[in-house]
Protein backbone atom coordinates (compact mmCIF):
# COMPACT_ATOMS: atom_id res chain seq x y z
CA UNK A 1 49.00 -22.94 28.01
CA UNK A 2 45.84 -23.58 30.01
CA UNK A 3 46.87 -27.19 30.55
CA UNK A 4 49.38 -25.98 33.11
CA UNK A 5 46.52 -24.61 35.22
CA UNK A 6 44.38 -27.73 35.56
CA UNK A 7 45.08 -28.85 39.10
CA UNK A 8 48.84 -28.93 38.94
CA UNK A 9 49.37 -29.08 42.66
CA UNK A 10 52.95 -28.01 42.69
CA UNK A 11 55.50 -28.38 45.46
CA UNK A 12 54.48 -25.48 47.63
CA UNK A 13 56.46 -23.15 49.80
CA UNK A 14 53.29 -22.02 51.56
CA UNK A 15 53.73 -21.60 55.29
CA UNK A 16 51.83 -24.19 57.31
CA UNK A 17 50.69 -23.87 60.89
CA UNK A 18 52.43 -26.23 63.29
CA UNK A 19 50.84 -27.93 66.27
CA UNK A 20 53.15 -26.09 68.66
CA UNK A 21 51.43 -22.74 67.89
CA UNK A 22 54.45 -21.60 65.92
CA UNK A 23 54.88 -21.44 62.20
CA UNK A 24 57.20 -24.04 60.70
CA UNK A 25 60.42 -22.49 59.50
CA UNK A 26 60.46 -23.97 56.00
CA UNK A 27 58.83 -27.01 54.41
CA UNK A 28 61.02 -29.54 52.66
CA UNK A 29 60.66 -29.36 48.88
CA UNK A 30 61.61 -31.89 46.29
CA UNK A 31 62.87 -29.14 43.98
CA UNK A 32 65.01 -26.16 44.92
CA UNK A 33 64.23 -22.61 43.89
CA UNK A 34 66.91 -22.52 41.21
CA UNK A 35 65.14 -25.41 39.46
CA UNK A 36 61.58 -24.20 39.99
CA UNK A 37 62.06 -20.74 38.51
CA UNK A 38 64.71 -21.41 35.89
CA UNK A 39 62.51 -23.04 33.25
CA UNK A 40 59.33 -21.65 31.75
CA UNK A 41 57.31 -24.84 32.18
CA UNK A 42 58.14 -25.22 35.87
CA UNK A 43 57.65 -21.52 36.59
CA UNK A 44 54.26 -21.67 34.90
CA UNK A 45 53.28 -24.61 37.08
CA UNK A 46 54.24 -22.57 40.13
CA UNK A 47 52.11 -19.72 38.77
CA UNK A 48 49.24 -22.18 38.38
CA UNK A 49 49.62 -23.01 42.07
CA UNK A 50 49.36 -19.30 42.95
CA UNK A 51 46.11 -19.01 40.99
CA UNK A 52 44.85 -22.15 42.70
CA UNK A 53 45.72 -20.80 46.16
CA UNK A 54 43.74 -17.66 45.33
CA UNK A 55 40.81 -19.77 44.14
CA UNK A 56 40.86 -21.81 47.34
CA UNK A 57 40.75 -18.64 49.40
CA UNK A 58 38.05 -17.02 47.28
CA UNK A 59 35.38 -19.64 46.60
CA UNK A 60 34.43 -20.67 50.12
CA UNK A 61 32.87 -18.74 53.01
CA UNK A 62 34.86 -15.59 52.17
CA UNK A 63 32.83 -15.46 48.95
CA UNK A 64 29.42 -16.21 50.42
CA UNK A 65 29.93 -13.97 53.46
CA UNK A 66 29.33 -10.98 51.21
CA UNK A 67 25.72 -12.06 50.65
CA UNK A 68 24.58 -13.96 53.72
CA UNK A 69 25.38 -11.00 55.98
CA UNK A 70 23.02 -8.84 53.89
CA UNK A 71 19.31 -8.97 53.11
CA UNK A 72 19.91 -11.02 49.96
CA UNK A 73 19.73 -14.28 51.88
CA UNK A 74 18.34 -15.57 55.15
CA UNK A 75 19.23 -18.60 57.20
CA UNK A 76 17.71 -20.83 59.81
CA UNK A 77 18.93 -20.52 63.38
CA UNK A 78 22.41 -21.64 62.39
CA UNK A 79 25.19 -20.75 64.81
CA UNK A 80 27.85 -20.53 62.10
CA UNK A 81 25.93 -18.03 59.97
CA UNK A 82 24.51 -16.12 62.93
CA UNK A 83 27.86 -15.16 64.41
CA UNK A 84 28.78 -13.45 61.13
CA UNK A 85 25.34 -11.90 60.67
CA UNK A 86 25.25 -10.55 64.24
CA UNK A 87 28.90 -9.52 64.41
CA UNK A 88 29.57 -11.91 67.29
CA UNK A 89 32.96 -13.13 66.13
CA UNK A 90 35.95 -13.73 68.36
CA UNK A 91 39.64 -13.43 67.51
CA UNK A 92 39.99 -17.08 68.54
CA UNK A 93 37.47 -18.34 65.96
CA UNK A 94 39.02 -20.89 63.65
CA UNK A 95 37.16 -19.63 60.58
CA UNK A 96 38.67 -16.16 61.00
CA UNK A 97 42.15 -17.66 61.04
CA UNK A 98 41.33 -19.79 58.00
CA UNK A 99 40.36 -16.72 55.95
CA UNK A 100 43.56 -14.94 56.94
CA UNK A 101 45.85 -17.90 56.29
CA UNK A 102 44.22 -18.80 52.97
CA UNK A 103 44.76 -15.38 51.42
CA UNK A 104 48.25 -15.03 52.87
CA UNK A 105 49.07 -18.43 51.39
CA UNK A 106 48.14 -17.07 47.96
CA UNK A 107 50.21 -13.95 48.67
CA UNK A 108 53.18 -16.07 49.66
CA UNK A 109 52.94 -18.14 46.49
CA UNK A 110 52.85 -14.92 44.48
CA UNK A 111 55.80 -13.50 46.42
CA UNK A 112 57.86 -16.56 45.53
CA UNK A 113 57.30 -15.91 41.85
CA UNK A 114 57.81 -12.15 42.04
CA UNK A 115 61.11 -12.52 43.91
CA UNK A 116 62.62 -15.60 42.31
CA UNK A 117 61.74 -15.47 38.62
CA UNK A 118 64.00 -12.41 38.08
CA UNK A 119 66.75 -14.12 40.13
CA UNK A 120 66.73 -17.58 38.58
CA UNK A 121 64.73 -17.40 35.34
CA UNK A 122 66.64 -18.43 32.21
CA UNK A 123 63.74 -18.34 29.74
CA UNK A 124 62.37 -15.57 27.52
CA UNK A 125 62.41 -12.21 29.31
CA UNK A 126 58.99 -11.18 28.03
CA UNK A 127 57.43 -14.38 29.38
CA UNK A 128 59.25 -13.86 32.68
CA UNK A 129 57.77 -10.36 32.94
CA UNK A 130 54.32 -11.73 32.14
CA UNK A 131 54.59 -14.39 34.87
CA UNK A 132 55.71 -11.79 37.41
CA UNK A 133 52.84 -9.53 36.32
CA UNK A 134 50.31 -12.32 36.81
CA UNK A 135 51.74 -13.01 40.26
CA UNK A 136 51.42 -9.32 41.16
CA UNK A 137 47.75 -9.47 40.18
CA UNK A 138 47.24 -12.50 42.44
CA UNK A 139 48.91 -10.63 45.30
CA UNK A 140 46.84 -7.50 44.71
CA UNK A 141 43.57 -9.44 44.53
CA UNK A 142 44.36 -11.23 47.80
CA UNK A 143 45.33 -8.02 49.60
CA UNK A 144 42.17 -6.27 48.43
CA UNK A 145 40.00 -9.08 49.78
CA UNK A 146 41.88 -9.10 53.08
CA UNK A 147 41.58 -5.32 53.33
CA UNK A 148 37.80 -5.48 52.84
CA UNK A 149 37.54 -8.16 55.53
CA UNK A 150 40.03 -6.90 58.14
CA UNK A 151 41.02 -3.33 57.29
CA UNK A 152 40.00 -0.67 59.83
CA UNK A 153 37.85 1.74 57.85
CA UNK A 154 39.10 0.45 54.50
CA UNK A 155 35.64 0.88 52.94
CA UNK A 156 34.79 4.11 54.75
CA UNK A 157 37.79 6.20 53.62
CA UNK A 158 39.71 5.92 56.89
CA UNK A 159 43.05 5.87 55.12
CA UNK A 160 44.95 6.25 58.40
CA UNK A 161 43.28 3.15 59.85
CA UNK A 162 45.11 -0.09 60.50
CA UNK A 163 45.41 -2.10 57.31
CA UNK A 164 47.43 -5.30 56.96
CA UNK A 165 50.98 -6.56 57.42
CA UNK A 166 52.43 -6.04 53.94
CA UNK A 167 54.47 -9.18 53.27
CA UNK A 168 56.15 -8.60 49.91
CA UNK A 169 58.84 -11.29 49.97
CA UNK A 170 58.61 -15.08 50.39
CA UNK A 171 57.90 -15.94 54.01
CA UNK A 172 59.77 -18.95 55.40
CA UNK A 173 58.36 -18.77 58.92
CA UNK A 174 58.72 -16.72 62.07
CA UNK A 175 62.19 -16.58 63.56
CA UNK A 176 62.99 -15.16 66.97
CA UNK A 177 65.56 -12.81 65.40
CA UNK A 178 63.34 -11.53 62.60
CA UNK A 179 61.89 -8.05 62.58
CA UNK A 180 58.14 -8.65 62.64
CA UNK A 181 55.85 -6.73 60.31
CA UNK A 182 53.24 -4.47 61.92
CA UNK A 183 50.03 -3.54 60.15
CA UNK A 184 50.55 -0.93 57.47
CA UNK A 185 47.92 1.78 57.15
CA UNK A 186 44.90 1.33 54.91
CA UNK A 187 46.39 3.92 52.53
CA UNK A 188 49.69 2.04 52.32
CA UNK A 189 47.93 -1.22 51.51
CA UNK A 190 45.81 0.44 48.83
CA UNK A 191 48.96 2.02 47.39
CA UNK A 192 50.62 -1.39 47.13
CA UNK A 193 47.53 -2.93 45.51
CA UNK A 194 47.43 -0.14 42.92
CA UNK A 195 51.17 -0.42 42.27
CA UNK A 196 50.92 -4.17 41.73
CA UNK A 197 47.92 -3.84 39.42
CA UNK A 198 49.47 -1.10 37.30
CA UNK A 199 52.66 -3.13 36.92
CA UNK A 200 50.61 -6.22 36.11
CA UNK A 201 48.69 -4.31 33.43
CA UNK A 202 51.98 -3.36 31.77
CA UNK A 203 53.30 -6.92 31.76
CA UNK A 204 50.37 -9.18 30.89
CA UNK A 205 48.87 -9.56 27.41
CA UNK A 206 45.71 -7.97 26.08
CA UNK A 207 44.60 -11.43 25.02
CA UNK A 208 45.90 -14.99 24.86
CA UNK A 209 44.44 -15.46 21.37
CA UNK A 210 41.15 -16.50 19.82
CA UNK A 211 41.24 -20.31 19.90
CA UNK A 212 38.91 -22.18 22.26
CA UNK A 213 41.74 -22.96 24.69
CA UNK A 214 43.03 -19.38 24.48
CA UNK A 215 39.53 -18.10 25.22
CA UNK A 216 39.56 -20.05 28.48
CA UNK A 217 42.95 -18.49 29.26
CA UNK A 218 41.41 -15.07 28.54
CA UNK A 219 38.80 -15.69 31.23
CA UNK A 220 40.89 -17.51 33.86
CA UNK A 221 44.28 -15.79 33.63
CA UNK A 222 44.80 -12.11 34.16
CA UNK A 223 44.87 -9.89 31.07
CA UNK A 224 45.25 -6.14 30.79
CA UNK A 225 41.48 -5.94 31.03
CA UNK A 226 41.49 -7.95 34.25
CA UNK A 227 44.09 -5.68 35.84
CA UNK A 228 42.22 -2.56 34.74
CA UNK A 229 38.91 -3.96 36.01
CA UNK A 230 40.36 -4.67 39.44
CA UNK A 231 41.91 -1.20 39.49
CA UNK A 232 38.45 0.20 38.79
CA UNK A 233 36.98 -1.78 41.70
CA UNK A 234 39.84 -0.74 43.99
CA UNK A 235 39.39 2.96 43.24
CA UNK A 236 35.63 2.62 43.73
CA UNK A 237 36.22 1.14 47.18
CA UNK A 238 38.62 3.99 47.97
CA UNK A 239 36.12 6.62 46.85
CA UNK A 240 38.37 7.85 44.02
CA UNK A 241 35.58 7.98 41.47
CA UNK A 242 37.45 9.67 38.63
CA UNK A 243 40.04 6.90 38.54
CA UNK A 244 37.34 4.26 38.95
CA UNK A 245 35.52 5.64 35.91
CA UNK A 246 38.68 5.92 33.82
CA UNK A 247 39.85 2.36 34.42
CA UNK A 248 36.36 1.01 33.84
CA UNK A 249 36.33 2.73 30.46
CA UNK A 250 39.59 1.02 29.47
CA UNK A 251 37.82 -2.31 29.94
CA UNK A 252 34.58 -1.28 28.22
CA UNK A 253 36.61 -0.11 25.21
CA UNK A 254 37.93 -3.65 24.63
CA UNK A 255 34.92 -4.57 22.53
CA UNK A 256 36.72 -7.44 20.78
CA UNK A 257 37.49 -9.10 24.11
CA UNK A 258 34.51 -8.31 26.36
CA UNK A 259 30.81 -7.95 25.69
CA UNK A 260 27.58 -8.43 27.62
CA UNK A 261 26.12 -11.88 27.13
CA UNK A 262 22.66 -11.26 25.72
CA UNK A 263 21.18 -14.50 27.07
CA UNK A 264 21.84 -14.41 30.80
CA UNK A 265 21.38 -18.18 31.09
CA UNK A 266 24.60 -18.61 29.10
CA UNK A 267 26.47 -16.86 31.91
CA UNK A 268 25.25 -19.40 34.46
CA UNK A 269 24.36 -22.54 32.51
CA UNK A 270 22.39 -25.45 33.89
CA UNK A 271 25.03 -27.83 35.24
CA UNK A 272 22.67 -30.31 36.84
CA UNK A 273 23.44 -33.08 34.37
CA UNK A 274 26.23 -32.07 31.98
CA UNK A 275 29.09 -29.90 33.19
CA UNK A 276 29.30 -26.71 31.12
CA UNK A 277 32.85 -25.38 30.93
CA UNK A 278 32.39 -22.42 28.62
CA UNK A 279 32.92 -18.90 29.89
CA UNK A 280 31.30 -16.19 27.80
CA UNK A 281 32.93 -12.92 26.76
CA UNK A 282 31.29 -11.19 29.71
CA UNK A 283 33.74 -12.95 32.03
CA UNK A 284 36.80 -10.81 32.70
CA UNK A 285 38.13 -13.20 35.33
CA UNK A 286 36.60 -16.36 36.70
CA UNK A 287 37.52 -19.63 38.31
CA UNK A 288 36.78 -22.55 35.98
CA UNK A 289 34.88 -25.58 37.20
CA UNK A 290 38.18 -27.52 37.36
CA UNK A 291 39.37 -25.14 40.11
CA UNK A 292 36.06 -25.60 41.91
CA UNK A 293 36.38 -29.31 42.65
CA UNK A 294 37.92 -29.09 46.09
CA UNK A 295 35.71 -31.50 47.96
CA UNK A 296 32.45 -30.21 49.36
CA UNK A 297 33.86 -26.90 50.61
CA UNK A 298 33.27 -24.99 47.42
CA UNK A 299 31.06 -22.09 46.58
CA UNK A 300 27.88 -23.73 45.39
CA UNK A 301 27.75 -26.55 47.91
CA UNK A 302 28.80 -24.67 51.04
CA UNK A 303 26.95 -21.47 50.07
CA UNK A 304 23.65 -23.04 49.18
CA UNK A 305 23.41 -25.91 51.59
CA UNK A 306 19.69 -25.83 51.15
CA UNK A 307 18.65 -26.64 54.70
CA UNK A 308 20.51 -23.67 56.19
CA UNK A 309 20.61 -20.79 53.71
CA UNK A 310 18.16 -19.55 51.12
CA UNK A 311 17.20 -16.47 49.13
CA UNK A 312 15.29 -13.86 51.11
CA UNK A 313 11.76 -13.48 49.73
CA UNK A 314 11.88 -9.69 50.09
CA UNK A 315 14.96 -9.67 47.89
CA UNK A 316 13.17 -11.78 45.27
CA UNK A 317 10.31 -9.27 45.32
CA UNK A 318 12.75 -6.45 44.58
CA UNK A 319 13.06 -7.70 41.00
CA UNK A 320 10.50 -6.40 38.51
CA UNK A 321 7.87 -9.11 37.87
CA UNK A 322 9.02 -9.62 34.28
CA UNK A 323 12.74 -9.76 35.16
CA UNK A 324 14.36 -12.79 33.54
CA UNK A 325 16.72 -13.15 36.49
CA UNK A 326 13.85 -14.41 38.66
CA UNK A 327 12.91 -17.19 36.27
CA UNK A 328 16.42 -18.23 35.29
CA UNK A 329 18.64 -17.59 38.30
CA UNK A 330 16.47 -18.46 41.29
CA UNK A 331 15.22 -21.99 41.96
CA UNK A 332 12.07 -22.64 43.88
CA UNK A 333 10.51 -25.94 44.74
CA UNK A 334 10.94 -28.99 46.89
CA UNK A 335 13.95 -30.77 45.43
CA UNK A 336 16.61 -29.49 43.09
CA UNK A 337 19.94 -31.00 42.05
CA UNK A 338 19.49 -33.90 44.45
CA UNK A 339 19.68 -31.52 47.39
CA UNK A 340 16.71 -30.88 49.63
CA UNK A 341 15.24 -27.39 49.55
CA UNK A 342 13.10 -26.38 52.49
CA UNK A 343 9.47 -26.22 51.36
CA UNK A 344 8.59 -22.72 50.22
CA UNK A 345 12.21 -21.53 50.10
CA UNK A 346 14.36 -20.61 47.13
CA UNK A 347 18.01 -20.91 46.20
CA UNK A 348 20.13 -19.40 43.45
CA UNK A 349 20.59 -21.14 40.12
CA UNK A 350 23.84 -19.34 39.38
CA UNK A 351 25.65 -22.40 40.76
CA UNK A 352 23.51 -25.37 39.87
CA UNK A 353 25.79 -28.39 39.99
CA UNK A 354 24.99 -30.49 43.08
CA UNK A 355 28.68 -30.82 44.01
CA UNK A 356 29.91 -27.42 42.96
CA UNK A 357 31.36 -28.12 39.53
CA UNK A 358 30.54 -24.62 38.36
CA UNK A 359 32.44 -21.70 36.91
CA UNK A 360 32.61 -18.88 39.46
CA UNK A 361 32.82 -15.25 38.27
CA UNK A 362 35.26 -12.97 40.05
CA UNK A 363 34.95 -9.99 37.68
CA UNK A 364 32.55 -9.57 34.78
CA UNK A 365 31.69 -6.76 32.42
CA UNK A 366 28.32 -5.91 33.97
CA UNK A 367 30.10 -4.97 37.22
CA UNK A 368 32.55 -2.74 35.37
CA UNK A 369 29.75 -0.98 33.49
CA UNK A 370 27.84 -0.30 36.70
CA UNK A 371 31.04 0.90 38.38
CA UNK A 372 31.56 3.48 35.64
CA UNK A 373 27.90 4.48 35.78
CA UNK A 374 28.09 5.07 39.53
CA UNK A 375 31.45 6.83 39.40
CA UNK A 376 30.26 9.24 36.69
CA UNK A 377 27.08 9.99 38.64
CA UNK A 378 29.12 10.76 41.75
CA UNK A 379 31.46 13.12 39.92
CA UNK A 380 29.16 14.63 37.29
CA UNK A 381 25.63 14.36 38.62
CA UNK A 382 22.77 13.16 36.44
CA UNK A 383 24.33 12.35 33.07
CA UNK A 384 23.39 10.52 29.90
CA UNK A 385 26.27 8.03 29.91
CA UNK A 386 25.46 6.70 33.39
CA UNK A 387 21.83 6.27 32.37
CA UNK A 388 22.81 4.52 29.14
CA UNK A 389 25.04 2.05 31.01
CA UNK A 390 22.29 1.45 33.56
CA UNK A 391 19.72 0.85 30.82
CA UNK A 392 22.04 -1.55 29.00
CA UNK A 393 22.51 -3.80 32.03
CA UNK A 394 18.90 -3.57 33.18
CA UNK A 395 17.30 -4.21 29.80
CA UNK A 396 19.38 -7.33 29.23
CA UNK A 397 17.15 -8.98 31.85
CA UNK A 398 14.12 -6.72 31.21
CA UNK A 399 13.96 -6.44 27.41
CA UNK A 400 10.54 -4.77 27.37
CA UNK A 401 11.42 -2.13 29.97
CA UNK A 402 11.23 1.51 28.91
CA UNK A 403 14.44 3.50 28.73
CA UNK A 404 15.24 5.56 31.78
CA UNK A 405 15.90 9.19 30.83
CA UNK A 406 17.52 12.14 32.56
CA UNK A 407 14.14 13.57 33.53
CA UNK A 408 13.45 10.50 35.67
CA UNK A 409 16.00 11.68 38.25
CA UNK A 410 15.58 14.80 40.34
CA UNK A 411 19.19 14.75 41.49
CA UNK A 412 22.37 12.70 41.38
CA UNK A 413 21.50 10.73 44.53
CA UNK A 414 18.38 9.32 42.89
CA UNK A 415 20.48 8.13 39.97
CA UNK A 416 23.14 6.68 42.27
CA UNK A 417 20.48 4.84 44.27
CA UNK A 418 19.05 3.31 41.09
CA UNK A 419 22.51 2.21 39.94
CA UNK A 420 23.21 0.65 43.34
CA UNK A 421 19.85 -1.11 43.22
CA UNK A 422 20.66 -2.58 39.81
CA UNK A 423 24.13 -3.55 41.01
CA UNK A 424 22.60 -5.48 43.91
CA UNK A 425 20.13 -7.31 41.65
CA UNK A 426 22.67 -8.04 38.93
CA UNK A 427 25.61 -9.14 41.09
CA UNK A 428 23.74 -11.03 43.81
CA UNK A 429 25.44 -14.27 44.88
CA UNK A 430 28.77 -13.09 43.43
CA UNK A 431 30.46 -11.73 46.53
CA UNK A 432 29.74 -7.98 46.33
CA UNK A 433 26.75 -6.92 48.42
CA UNK A 434 28.39 -6.62 51.86
CA UNK A 435 31.16 -4.38 50.60
CA UNK A 436 28.78 -2.18 48.62
CA UNK A 437 26.68 -1.67 51.76
CA UNK A 438 29.74 -0.86 53.85
CA UNK A 439 31.23 1.63 51.39
CA UNK A 440 27.88 3.45 51.07
CA UNK A 441 27.27 3.46 54.84
CA UNK A 442 24.21 1.23 54.67
CA UNK A 443 23.26 -1.29 57.38
CA UNK A 444 23.99 -4.97 57.00
CA UNK A 445 21.35 -7.66 57.52
CA UNK A 446 21.49 -7.05 61.26
CA UNK A 447 21.31 -3.24 61.53
CA UNK A 448 22.58 -3.38 65.11
CA UNK A 449 26.06 -4.55 64.14
CA UNK A 450 28.47 -1.82 65.23
CA UNK A 451 30.90 -0.14 62.87
CA UNK A 452 33.78 -1.86 64.65
CA UNK A 453 32.23 -5.29 64.15
CA UNK A 454 31.56 -4.81 60.45
CA UNK A 455 35.20 -5.76 60.02
CA UNK A 456 36.57 -9.05 61.25
CA UNK A 457 38.94 -9.50 64.17
CA UNK A 458 42.58 -10.23 63.47
CA UNK A 459 43.28 -13.89 64.34
CA UNK A 460 44.51 -14.06 67.92
CA UNK A 461 47.21 -16.56 67.02
CA UNK A 462 48.90 -14.06 64.71
CA UNK A 463 48.80 -11.40 67.41
CA UNK A 464 50.30 -13.82 69.91
CA UNK A 465 53.04 -15.06 67.59
CA UNK A 466 53.97 -11.47 66.72
CA UNK A 467 54.14 -10.68 70.45
CA UNK A 468 51.68 -7.86 69.96
CA UNK A 469 53.42 -6.21 67.01
CA UNK A 470 50.28 -6.96 65.00
CA UNK A 471 47.50 -4.97 66.69
CA UNK A 472 43.87 -6.05 67.08
CA UNK A 473 41.00 -4.18 65.46
CA UNK A 474 38.99 -1.83 67.71
CA UNK A 475 36.10 -3.41 69.58
CA UNK A 476 37.64 -6.87 69.94
């Protein structure tokens, strides 16, 4: 089944931006919808395109933004990075529009599947339901990322704030007679994300099997564990810690499918010479290296262009001296992977291939374990299970470290702070830090960035095309 997902660039119904500042009504396709969604093989190719659209949106600057706007990395005096770091973005900025369009393209691909497979599908009903469930996961993932980037107060529990236009059907382009969608509230967007993920969890399999090809499917296509893991993350972002803990436990309980990789170098293998395609059982969802071959604008090349962006030395010093993550996941030196590194600077080794042919984790078990640890500490105070989960993740990279015990923490906040510290060290360079700082009301790299400017402006073009129906975020 995985063969259908290896760069099958299918005839797309994704809306493209025209040069006349309007959106084209409908692209011409070589196949009509009744053909595309009638047969399992063609529908699966269309599903592969939806996954690929999500990968394209997720493994560029939207991924790296979560770290380079925090104290994990620092940059030279680079205008591109600085406008994000300092919150000096404008609604007219092209990059802002690119983020928006990329995720809505993935949403639109998913909407095509969700709407049309039940209408035109003639193949096995169970497989149809699975395909629709996978598409709902893609849609939910894209909306969650957009909400974190653009949602007014989405990470600070402002559920009445302006969220996103909720497009739930295939979009063929703006028409003068159409009723334009305003921004739904943050709560309404979260509700839709949760609905999609719960329905996805009911429809997708627990596993695609145990063969080597099925194992890759288990890591790159959504399973029940993937849907539950993203539900756990969603509830954590909402501040619903009981639900976050419960859904995390559903994932942790799948011991035959997911386990911590004991050798952390197996998670992020050295790809400098031979491309390593394996994803370990710690991966719950990732983008395989084949999805990450989109020219030079991929995560490892664009993120760690060595002359502009490097690991902050204070962040490196936050690791314990004996921590294996320093030795194995952070390069230092003069030249690495045929790319120049500024003398005395460091870069991450999580993505080591010089042209970005790396697997990219979107969700892995360590995150889920730390989510449950944090959620339990927030609801139940200092507790043994949170400490056990924290010890398990920490001692993987610090095998000689002493166990933390309940007496080490005077109150729940001390335990929460330690869990957040471990989360930052463990998940660095994986697209989490910015959102963890925002949801815990901590400053970004530039502490002077206002609350309004911690979220991105809505692209001005979309406001203009909607004739003001789509409202701008405060402060822009």
